[in-house]
Amino acid sequence: MSALSLVAADTPTLDTGNTAWMLTSAALVLFMTIPGLALFYGGLNRSKGVLNMIMMSFGAFGVIGIIYVLWGYSMSFGPNNVGGIFANPFDLWALKDLLPGAPGADASLAYTATGVPTLVFVGFQFTFAAITVALISGSLSDRVKYSTWLVFSVLWVTLVYFPLAHMVWGGGLLSGSKDGIAAKLFGTTGDVASVAPIDFAGGTVVHINAGMAGLVLCLFLGKRIGFGKVAMRPHNVPLVMLGAGILWFGWFGFNSGSALAANESAGLVWVNTTTATCAAMIAWLLVEKFRDGHATSVGAASGIVAGLVAITPACGNVTPWGSIAVGAIAGILSAFAIGLKYKFGYDDSLDVVGVHLVSGFWGTISLGFLARGTGLFYGQWKQLIVQLIIACAALLFTAIMTAIIATVLKYAMGWRISEDDETQGIDQTEHAETAYDLATTSFGTVATFAHEEGAKA
């Protein structure tokens, strides 16, 4: 996704094919979060925290759906740049100048360069913001006040996600703009950087961003009670597999939709996304087989996500053989990286760091080696420098801002539920519900889903 592709045509016109594809893509990304990510994380969690885990995705989606149309889009893609870090949040407040036929509406902002109504692009980008915040929740399971999580979602998306989206995609410091860091390093060609940073669909903005935020927060919050001493296995592996399948399906909207058109680029992205994901899954399973003696279903699901994460920034700029390399290396790296939390003692509950941060970082810098025409394997070296700079800049920015937000909320609201509540189970104490109602009958113990408080088997 390039800031340049957002510039309206000289005579804005509607392209119905591209618009239909973008509406479909936005719906696919929504489906990734609700229910895809919610089920994936819910299944990985313990049974006494599955509802809270799912509710963290739902809650993030709810609050961001409101604030994105108020100031989020304007901060990310608004016309007036503020120091290369964010755009003025009031220029397009509540999308006031984007409504067709509205008094004061700016016709030059009505369409993207691909003939898609800007309002459709707004909807597409909202789903990116929402899933990025929801991803962070996987590092915090079983121990965070739900009210604090919702307030964090508002603050973090405003102070971290929107600025980073602007810096990378909206013409800011980490973009291919003539005023960006890449242009300062290697010059410009016309009005753009000669060696532009590449983040096709969110390696820095989504995955490095969410992964680093998850690392900061799990270090800040501390471990769950019993971490490293008692088994904390996934409570429902079929839910994990179902969630991973939905994520894979929805990811075609995430990646191919970022072409912003139904064109050849979207087709290449579709193939690369599929190929990299297959390679990552097989690589993860091979690591498990040789290391542990078993290839697991949770490993397959995790490998799928690692491959999807890694290919996200690279999917439009590598060849299909390159996508195999991106995916296979991501599967290997993340399969080993998820064990680091036990070595270093940080409780990244559902491996947001091991999968999203590690594979997101690899996917971003992989372009320095494999980007068609500009990577190291094509005889060029500057792309690698640029990719390393934007990846490290994203890491640093997210780490600092997340730590500040976490500290403020610690003293303003408090983060953790009590030890007694955590032991009893966060579903019961935070939501007054349980996912499964266990009742004893003369025929033994049966399990049913509890749809409301007081439901009986």
Protein backbone atom coordinates (compact mmCIF):
# COMPACT_ATOMS: atom_id res chain seq x y z
CA MET A 1 0.00 0.00 0.00
CA SER A 2 1.52 3.28 -1.07
CA ALA A 3 0.64 6.81 -0.14
CA LEU A 4 0.98 7.61 -3.83
CA SER A 5 -1.87 5.26 -4.71
CA LEU A 6 -4.20 7.30 -2.53
CA VAL A 7 -3.89 10.44 -4.64
CA ALA A 8 -7.15 11.10 -6.44
CA ALA A 9 -7.31 11.11 -10.19
CA ASP A 10 -7.41 14.45 -12.00
CA THR A 11 -11.03 13.78 -12.92
CA PRO A 12 -12.39 11.50 -10.18
CA THR A 13 -14.45 8.65 -11.59
CA LEU A 14 -15.91 5.51 -10.10
CA ASP A 15 -14.40 2.14 -11.01
CA THR A 16 -17.09 -0.35 -10.04
CA GLY A 17 -14.86 -3.41 -10.34
CA ASN A 18 -12.18 -2.02 -8.04
CA THR A 19 -14.84 -0.74 -5.65
CA ALA A 20 -16.53 -4.14 -5.44
CA TRP A 21 -13.18 -5.77 -4.71
CA MET A 22 -12.34 -3.25 -2.00
CA LEU A 23 -15.74 -3.67 -0.31
CA THR A 24 -15.19 -7.43 -0.35
CA SER A 25 -11.66 -7.04 1.01
CA ALA A 26 -12.85 -4.84 3.87
CA ALA A 27 -15.42 -7.47 4.81
CA LEU A 28 -12.75 -10.18 4.66
CA VAL A 29 -10.48 -8.28 7.06
CA LEU A 30 -13.42 -7.73 9.42
CA PHE A 31 -14.02 -11.50 9.27
CA MET A 32 -10.37 -12.04 10.22
CA THR A 33 -10.92 -10.34 13.57
CA ILE A 34 -14.50 -11.30 14.32
CA PRO A 35 -14.63 -14.26 14.45
CA GLY A 36 -11.21 -15.41 13.14
CA LEU A 37 -8.74 -13.94 15.61
CA ALA A 38 -11.27 -14.15 18.45
CA LEU A 39 -11.66 -17.91 17.93
CA PHE A 40 -7.92 -18.47 17.36
CA TYR A 41 -6.97 -16.69 20.59
CA GLY A 42 -9.96 -18.08 22.46
CA GLY A 43 -9.01 -21.65 21.65
CA LEU A 44 -5.38 -21.08 22.63
CA ASN A 45 -6.42 -19.72 26.01
CA ARG A 46 -7.44 -21.67 29.10
CA SER A 47 -11.13 -22.42 29.51
CA LYS A 48 -11.62 -20.00 32.40
CA GLY A 49 -10.46 -17.07 30.26
CA VAL A 50 -11.77 -17.86 26.78
CA LEU A 51 -14.69 -15.42 26.88
CA ASN A 52 -12.49 -12.58 28.09
CA MET A 53 -10.04 -13.34 25.30
CA ILE A 54 -12.81 -13.20 22.71
CA MET A 55 -14.27 -10.07 24.28
CA MET A 56 -10.92 -8.29 24.00
CA SER A 57 -11.18 -8.60 20.21
CA PHE A 58 -14.83 -7.55 20.19
CA GLY A 59 -14.18 -4.61 22.50
CA ALA A 60 -11.22 -3.31 20.50
CA PHE A 61 -13.28 -3.51 17.33
CA GLY A 62 -16.12 -1.62 18.97
CA VAL A 63 -14.21 1.37 20.28
CA ILE A 64 -12.00 1.73 17.21
CA GLY A 65 -15.00 1.60 14.91
CA ILE A 66 -16.15 4.83 16.52
CA ILE A 67 -12.92 6.76 16.80
CA TYR A 68 -11.59 5.82 13.36
CA VAL A 69 -14.32 7.79 11.61
CA LEU A 70 -14.00 10.66 14.10
CA TRP A 71 -10.25 11.29 13.97
CA GLY A 72 -8.42 8.09 13.06
CA TYR A 73 -8.61 8.37 9.29
CA SER A 74 -7.73 12.05 9.39
CA MET A 75 -4.67 11.36 11.59
CA SER A 76 -3.52 8.57 9.28
CA PHE A 77 -4.27 9.88 5.79
CA GLY A 78 -5.36 13.51 6.19
CA PRO A 79 -4.05 16.17 3.80
CA ASN A 80 -1.98 18.18 6.29
CA ASN A 81 1.20 16.56 7.56
CA VAL A 82 2.38 17.45 11.09
CA GLY A 83 6.14 16.97 11.29
CA GLY A 84 5.98 13.79 9.26
CA ILE A 85 4.57 11.95 12.29
CA PHE A 86 0.81 12.33 11.96
CA ALA A 87 -1.79 14.27 10.01
CA ASN A 88 -4.12 16.86 11.49
CA PRO A 89 -6.93 14.93 13.23
CA PHE A 90 -9.44 17.73 12.63
CA ASP A 91 -9.06 18.22 8.88
CA LEU A 92 -11.35 15.28 8.07
CA TRP A 93 -13.06 15.03 11.47
CA ALA A 94 -15.99 12.59 11.26
CA LEU A 95 -15.25 12.32 7.51
CA LYS A 96 -17.06 15.63 7.04
CA ASP A 97 -15.44 16.46 3.70
CA LEU A 98 -15.73 12.98 2.22
CA LEU A 99 -19.49 12.52 2.13
CA PRO A 100 -20.74 12.58 -1.50
CA GLY A 101 -22.81 15.67 -2.21
CA ALA A 102 -22.35 17.14 1.27
CA PRO A 103 -21.84 20.93 1.53
CA GLY A 104 -18.13 21.63 1.54
CA ALA A 105 -17.19 18.16 0.34
CA ASP A 106 -13.85 18.17 -1.49
CA ALA A 107 -14.30 16.47 -4.85
CA SER A 108 -10.54 15.90 -5.13
CA LEU A 109 -10.70 13.66 -2.06
CA ALA A 110 -13.71 11.64 -3.21
CA TYR A 111 -11.80 8.84 -4.96
CA THR A 112 -8.46 7.09 -4.78
CA ALA A 113 -6.27 6.88 -7.85
CA THR A 114 -7.80 3.46 -8.59
CA GLY A 115 -11.34 4.83 -8.78
CA VAL A 116 -12.45 3.56 -5.37
CA PRO A 117 -14.58 5.93 -3.26
CA THR A 118 -12.50 7.22 -0.37
CA LEU A 119 -15.24 6.17 2.04
CA VAL A 120 -14.65 2.56 0.96
CA PHE A 121 -10.94 2.99 1.62
CA VAL A 122 -11.82 4.39 5.05
CA GLY A 123 -13.78 1.23 5.86
CA PHE A 124 -10.93 -0.94 4.64
CA GLN A 125 -8.38 0.91 6.77
CA PHE A 126 -10.60 0.83 9.86
CA THR A 127 -10.41 -2.97 9.86
CA PHE A 128 -6.60 -2.77 9.80
CA ALA A 129 -6.55 -0.51 12.84
CA ALA A 130 -8.98 -2.73 14.73
CA ILE A 131 -7.18 -6.02 14.14
CA THR A 132 -3.81 -4.50 15.05
CA VAL A 133 -5.07 -3.59 18.52
CA ALA A 134 -6.85 -6.94 18.89
CA LEU A 135 -3.58 -8.75 18.12
CA ILE A 136 -1.94 -7.21 21.18
CA SER A 137 -4.49 -8.86 23.49
CA GLY A 138 -2.90 -12.26 22.94
CA SER A 139 0.05 -11.28 25.13
CA LEU A 140 -2.17 -10.24 28.06
CA SER A 141 -4.57 -13.10 28.67
CA ASP A 142 -6.17 -13.90 32.03
CA ARG A 143 -4.93 -10.91 34.02
CA VAL A 144 -6.05 -7.51 32.68
CA LYS A 145 -9.04 -5.41 33.75
CA TYR A 146 -11.44 -5.18 30.83
CA SER A 147 -12.08 -1.47 31.43
CA THR A 148 -8.35 -0.75 31.31
CA TRP A 149 -8.05 -2.74 28.09
CA LEU A 150 -10.75 -0.63 26.40
CA VAL A 151 -9.16 2.65 27.49
CA PHE A 152 -5.76 1.35 26.37
CA SER A 153 -7.25 0.51 22.96
CA VAL A 154 -8.37 4.11 22.47
CA LEU A 155 -5.09 5.64 23.64
CA TRP A 156 -2.81 3.21 21.83
CA VAL A 157 -4.53 3.37 18.47
CA THR A 158 -4.55 7.18 18.68
CA LEU A 159 -0.99 7.72 19.87
CA VAL A 160 0.77 4.77 18.24
CA TYR A 161 -1.16 3.16 15.39
CA PHE A 162 -2.49 6.27 13.64
CA PRO A 163 0.89 8.05 13.67
CA LEU A 164 2.75 4.96 12.44
CA ALA A 165 0.17 4.43 9.68
CA HIS A 166 0.74 8.02 8.61
CA MET A 167 4.52 7.71 8.79
CA VAL A 168 4.56 4.59 6.59
CA TRP A 169 1.48 4.88 4.33
CA GLY A 170 0.32 8.47 4.62
CA GLY A 171 3.37 10.34 3.36
CA GLY A 172 5.27 10.66 6.64
CA LEU A 173 8.85 10.06 7.73
CA LEU A 174 8.95 6.33 6.98
CA SER A 175 7.27 6.55 3.57
CA GLY A 176 8.59 7.13 0.08
CA SER A 177 7.80 10.83 0.34
CA LYS A 178 10.41 13.35 -0.77
CA ASP A 179 10.47 14.51 2.86
CA GLY A 180 10.95 11.02 4.31
CA ILE A 181 14.04 9.41 5.77
CA ALA A 182 14.67 7.26 2.68
CA ALA A 183 14.71 10.33 0.44
CA LYS A 184 17.16 12.05 2.77
CA LEU A 185 19.47 9.03 2.62
CA PHE A 186 19.43 8.14 -1.08
CA GLY A 187 17.84 11.09 -2.84
CA THR A 188 14.70 11.45 -4.90
CA THR A 189 13.48 10.71 -8.37
CA GLY A 190 10.90 13.33 -9.17
CA ASP A 191 8.82 13.82 -6.06
CA VAL A 192 9.47 10.43 -4.46
CA ALA A 193 12.37 8.63 -2.80
CA SER A 194 14.69 6.90 -5.22
CA VAL A 195 14.73 3.89 -2.88
CA ALA A 196 11.29 3.85 -1.28
CA PRO A 197 10.49 1.81 1.84
CA ILE A 198 8.22 -1.16 1.14
CA ASP A 199 5.40 -2.20 3.45
CA PHE A 200 2.73 -3.47 1.11
CA ALA A 201 0.10 -4.43 3.68
CA GLY A 202 1.40 -3.89 7.19
CA GLY A 203 4.66 -5.48 8.30
CA THR A 204 5.62 -2.40 10.29
CA VAL A 205 2.25 -0.75 10.80
CA VAL A 206 0.44 -3.91 11.92
CA HIS A 207 2.72 -6.76 12.96
CA ILE A 208 5.91 -5.16 14.26
CA ASN A 209 3.68 -2.58 15.90
CA ALA A 210 1.40 -5.09 17.64
CA GLY A 211 4.24 -7.47 18.50
CA MET A 212 6.39 -4.82 20.16
CA ALA A 213 3.39 -3.44 22.06
CA GLY A 214 2.65 -6.96 23.27
CA LEU A 215 6.24 -7.40 24.45
CA VAL A 216 6.23 -4.10 26.36
CA LEU A 217 2.90 -4.83 28.02
CA CYS A 218 3.67 -8.41 29.09
CA LEU A 219 6.95 -7.18 30.62
CA PHE A 220 5.11 -4.33 32.29
CA LEU A 221 2.28 -6.49 33.67
CA GLY A 222 4.27 -9.47 34.85
CA LYS A 223 3.44 -13.15 34.66
CA ARG A 224 0.19 -14.99 35.17
CA ILE A 225 -0.11 -16.88 38.45
CA GLY A 226 1.58 -20.23 37.92
CA PHE A 227 3.43 -19.29 34.72
CA GLY A 228 6.30 -21.72 34.21
CA LYS A 229 5.05 -23.94 37.04
CA VAL A 230 1.71 -25.28 35.83
CA ALA A 231 0.62 -26.30 32.34
CA MET A 232 -1.28 -23.59 30.47
CA ARG A 233 -2.29 -25.51 27.38
CA PRO A 234 -4.85 -24.49 24.75
CA HIS A 235 -8.26 -25.52 26.03
CA ASN A 236 -9.88 -26.11 22.61
CA VAL A 237 -7.61 -27.02 19.71
CA PRO A 238 -10.45 -27.31 17.12
CA LEU A 239 -11.26 -23.64 17.83
CA VAL A 240 -7.61 -22.80 17.21
CA MET A 241 -7.66 -24.61 13.86
CA LEU A 242 -10.97 -23.01 12.87
CA GLY A 243 -9.66 -19.57 13.79
CA ALA A 244 -6.46 -20.12 11.81
CA GLY A 245 -8.47 -21.19 8.77
CA ILE A 246 -10.64 -18.08 8.98
CA LEU A 247 -7.54 -15.91 9.36
CA TRP A 248 -6.02 -17.47 6.24
CA PHE A 249 -9.23 -16.92 4.28
CA GLY A 250 -9.63 -13.33 5.45
CA TRP A 251 -5.97 -12.52 4.85
CA PHE A 252 -6.60 -12.41 1.10
CA GLY A 253 -8.59 -9.27 1.75
CA PHE A 254 -5.80 -7.99 3.99
CA ASN A 255 -3.05 -8.52 1.40
CA SER A 256 -4.69 -8.59 -2.04
CA GLY A 257 -7.02 -5.78 -0.97
CA SER A 258 -3.97 -3.61 -0.33
CA ALA A 259 -3.41 -3.46 -4.09
CA LEU A 260 -6.47 -1.14 -3.94
CA ALA A 261 -7.65 -2.59 -7.24
CA ALA A 262 -8.70 -5.84 -8.89
CA ASN A 263 -5.58 -6.09 -11.03
CA GLU A 264 -2.41 -8.06 -11.77
CA SER A 265 -0.81 -6.91 -8.52
CA ALA A 266 -3.69 -8.35 -6.52
CA GLY A 267 -3.27 -11.64 -8.37
CA LEU A 268 0.45 -11.85 -7.60
CA VAL A 269 -0.26 -11.00 -3.96
CA TRP A 270 -2.87 -13.79 -3.77
CA VAL A 271 -0.39 -16.37 -5.06
CA ASN A 272 2.45 -15.15 -2.85
CA THR A 273 0.24 -15.09 0.24
CA THR A 274 -0.84 -18.67 -0.35
CA THR A 275 2.63 -19.98 -1.17
CA ALA A 276 4.38 -18.32 1.75
CA THR A 277 1.75 -19.57 4.18
CA CYS A 278 2.07 -23.13 2.96
CA ALA A 279 5.86 -22.95 3.25
CA ALA A 280 5.70 -21.55 6.78
CA MET A 281 3.27 -24.21 7.97
CA ILE A 282 5.40 -27.05 6.59
CA ALA A 283 8.58 -25.50 7.98
CA TRP A 284 7.04 -25.17 11.46
CA LEU A 285 5.87 -28.79 11.38
CA LEU A 286 9.34 -29.98 10.33
CA VAL A 287 10.90 -28.09 13.23
CA GLU A 288 8.44 -29.73 15.62
CA LYS A 289 9.02 -33.18 14.15
CA PHE A 290 12.82 -33.03 14.37
CA ARG A 291 12.90 -31.19 17.71
CA ASP A 292 10.00 -32.80 19.59
CA GLY A 293 9.15 -35.92 17.65
CA HIS A 294 5.61 -34.78 16.81
CA ALA A 295 4.02 -32.45 14.27
CA THR A 296 1.09 -30.83 16.09
CA SER A 297 -2.14 -29.22 14.97
CA VAL A 298 -1.40 -26.13 17.07
CA GLY A 299 1.96 -25.98 15.33
CA ALA A 300 0.24 -26.09 11.94
CA ALA A 301 -2.09 -23.27 12.96
CA SER A 302 0.79 -21.21 14.34
CA GLY A 303 2.86 -21.79 11.21
CA ILE A 304 -0.04 -20.57 9.10
CA VAL A 305 -0.18 -17.32 11.04
CA ALA A 306 3.62 -16.88 10.96
CA GLY A 307 3.62 -17.23 7.17
CA LEU A 308 0.74 -14.82 6.74
CA VAL A 309 2.47 -12.28 8.97
CA ALA A 310 5.82 -12.51 7.18
CA ILE A 311 4.47 -12.23 3.65
CA THR A 312 2.23 -9.26 4.51
CA PRO A 313 4.84 -6.53 3.87
CA ALA A 314 6.47 -8.42 1.00
CA CYS A 315 3.55 -9.91 -0.91
CA GLY A 316 3.49 -7.35 -3.73
CA ASN A 317 7.22 -7.11 -4.29
CA VAL A 318 8.64 -10.65 -4.33
CA THR A 319 8.38 -13.46 -6.84
CA PRO A 320 6.54 -16.68 -5.97
CA TRP A 321 9.88 -18.42 -5.32
CA GLY A 322 10.79 -15.53 -3.09
CA SER A 323 7.55 -15.97 -1.17
CA ILE A 324 8.51 -19.58 -0.44
CA ALA A 325 11.75 -18.35 1.14
CA VAL A 326 9.95 -15.66 3.13
CA GLY A 327 7.42 -18.15 4.48
CA ALA A 328 9.81 -21.02 5.19
CA ILE A 329 12.24 -18.84 7.14
CA ALA A 330 9.35 -17.27 9.07
CA GLY A 331 8.08 -20.71 10.08
CA ILE A 332 11.50 -21.74 11.34
CA LEU A 333 12.23 -18.48 13.16
CA SER A 334 8.87 -18.28 14.92
CA ALA A 335 8.85 -21.98 15.82
CA PHE A 336 12.02 -21.38 17.82
CA ALA A 337 11.13 -17.86 18.98
CA ILE A 338 8.03 -18.89 20.92
CA GLY A 339 10.27 -20.71 23.40
CA LEU A 340 12.20 -17.57 24.29
CA LYS A 341 9.55 -16.51 26.81
CA TYR A 342 10.46 -19.46 29.02
CA LYS A 343 14.19 -18.74 28.69
CA PHE A 344 13.86 -15.04 29.49
CA GLY A 345 10.82 -15.25 31.78
CA TYR A 346 8.30 -12.95 30.07
CA ASP A 347 4.71 -14.17 29.88
CA ASP A 348 3.67 -13.57 26.28
CA SER A 349 0.55 -15.66 26.78
CA LEU A 350 -0.37 -16.57 23.21
CA ASP A 351 2.95 -15.87 21.46
CA VAL A 352 2.26 -12.47 19.93
CA VAL A 353 5.97 -11.67 20.25
CA GLY A 354 7.21 -14.97 18.88
CA VAL A 355 4.90 -14.88 15.87
CA HIS A 356 3.94 -11.30 15.02
CA LEU A 357 7.05 -9.43 16.13
CA VAL A 358 9.56 -12.00 14.86
CA SER A 359 7.85 -12.88 11.58
CA GLY A 360 6.77 -9.26 11.01
CA PHE A 361 10.35 -8.05 11.43
CA TRP A 362 11.69 -10.80 9.19
CA GLY A 363 9.07 -10.12 6.52
CA THR A 364 9.94 -6.43 6.48
CA ILE A 365 13.69 -6.89 6.18
CA SER A 366 13.31 -9.83 3.79
CA LEU A 367 12.51 -7.26 1.13
CA GLY A 368 16.06 -6.00 1.45
CA PHE A 369 17.15 -9.36 0.08
CA LEU A 370 14.26 -10.50 -2.11
CA ALA A 371 12.43 -7.42 -3.45
CA ARG A 372 12.24 -7.73 -7.22
CA GLY A 373 14.83 -5.51 -8.86
CA THR A 374 15.93 -3.70 -5.69
CA GLY A 375 16.91 -6.44 -3.23
CA LEU A 376 20.38 -7.72 -2.40
CA PHE A 377 19.81 -10.85 -4.47
CA TYR A 378 19.28 -8.58 -7.48
CA GLY A 379 22.60 -6.83 -6.97
CA GLN A 380 21.30 -3.84 -4.98
CA TRP A 381 22.00 -3.02 -1.32
CA LYS A 382 20.17 0.21 -0.56
CA GLN A 383 16.77 -1.43 -0.12
CA LEU A 384 18.13 -3.51 2.76
CA ILE A 385 19.32 -0.38 4.57
CA VAL A 386 15.96 1.32 4.09
CA GLN A 387 14.02 -1.74 5.29
CA LEU A 388 16.19 -2.08 8.39
CA ILE A 389 15.68 1.60 9.21
CA ILE A 390 11.88 1.53 8.96
CA ALA A 391 11.66 -1.73 10.92
CA CYS A 392 13.89 -0.47 13.73
CA ALA A 393 12.22 2.94 13.76
CA ALA A 394 8.83 1.23 14.16
CA LEU A 395 10.20 -0.89 17.02
CA LEU A 396 11.59 2.10 18.85
CA PHE A 397 8.56 4.34 18.38
CA THR A 398 6.12 1.65 19.50
CA ALA A 399 8.20 0.63 22.50
CA ILE A 400 8.51 4.16 23.86
CA MET A 401 4.90 5.17 23.28
CA THR A 402 3.45 1.91 24.61
CA ALA A 403 5.54 2.17 27.78
CA ILE A 404 4.29 5.70 28.38
CA ILE A 405 0.65 4.70 27.89
CA ALA A 406 1.06 1.63 30.11
CA THR A 407 2.58 3.71 32.90
CA VAL A 408 -0.17 6.32 32.79
CA LEU A 409 -2.89 3.67 32.94
CA LYS A 410 -1.15 1.87 35.79
CA TYR A 411 -1.60 4.88 38.04
CA ALA A 412 -4.88 6.11 36.58
CA MET A 413 -6.86 2.84 36.51
CA GLY A 414 -4.65 -0.10 37.40
CA TRP A 415 -3.97 -2.96 35.01
CA ARG A 416 -4.27 -6.27 36.80
CA ILE A 417 -7.21 -8.01 38.35
CA SER A 418 -6.69 -9.35 41.88
CA GLU A 419 -4.91 -12.64 42.51
CA ASP A 420 -8.14 -14.17 43.82
CA ASP A 421 -10.01 -13.12 40.68
CA GLU A 422 -7.27 -14.49 38.46
CA THR A 423 -7.30 -17.80 40.30
CA GLN A 424 -11.09 -18.04 40.08
CA GLY A 425 -11.05 -17.13 36.40
CA ILE A 426 -11.32 -13.82 34.55
CA ASP A 427 -14.46 -14.84 32.67
CA GLN A 428 -16.41 -15.16 35.89
CA THR A 429 -14.96 -12.14 37.69
CA GLU A 430 -14.89 -9.64 34.81
CA HIS A 431 -17.92 -10.74 32.80
CA ALA A 432 -20.03 -12.84 35.23
CA GLU A 433 -20.11 -15.63 32.65
CA THR A 434 -18.41 -18.90 31.85
CA ALA A 435 -17.88 -20.39 28.42
CA TYR A 436 -18.88 -23.88 29.49
CA ASP A 437 -21.49 -24.83 32.07
CA LEU A 438 -20.44 -28.08 33.73
CA ALA A 439 -23.33 -29.96 35.32
CA THR A 440 -23.32 -33.35 36.98
CA THR A 441 -26.15 -35.73 36.13
CA SER A 442 -26.85 -39.37 36.88
CA PHE A 443 -25.22 -40.15 33.58
CA GLY A 444 -22.00 -38.32 34.48
CA THR A 445 -20.68 -34.89 33.62
CA VAL A 446 -21.90 -33.16 30.49
CA ALA A 447 -20.80 -29.81 29.05
CA THR A 448 -23.02 -27.24 27.43
CA PHE A 449 -22.46 -23.68 26.38
CA ALA A 450 -23.91 -21.20 28.84
CA HIS A 451 -25.76 -18.49 26.96
CA GLU A 452 -26.84 -16.51 29.97
CA GLU A 453 -26.17 -16.39 33.68
CA GLY A 454 -27.96 -19.19 35.43
CA ALA A 455 -28.34 -21.43 32.36
CA LYS A 456 -28.67 -25.12 33.29
CA ALA A 457 -27.55 -28.20 31.40
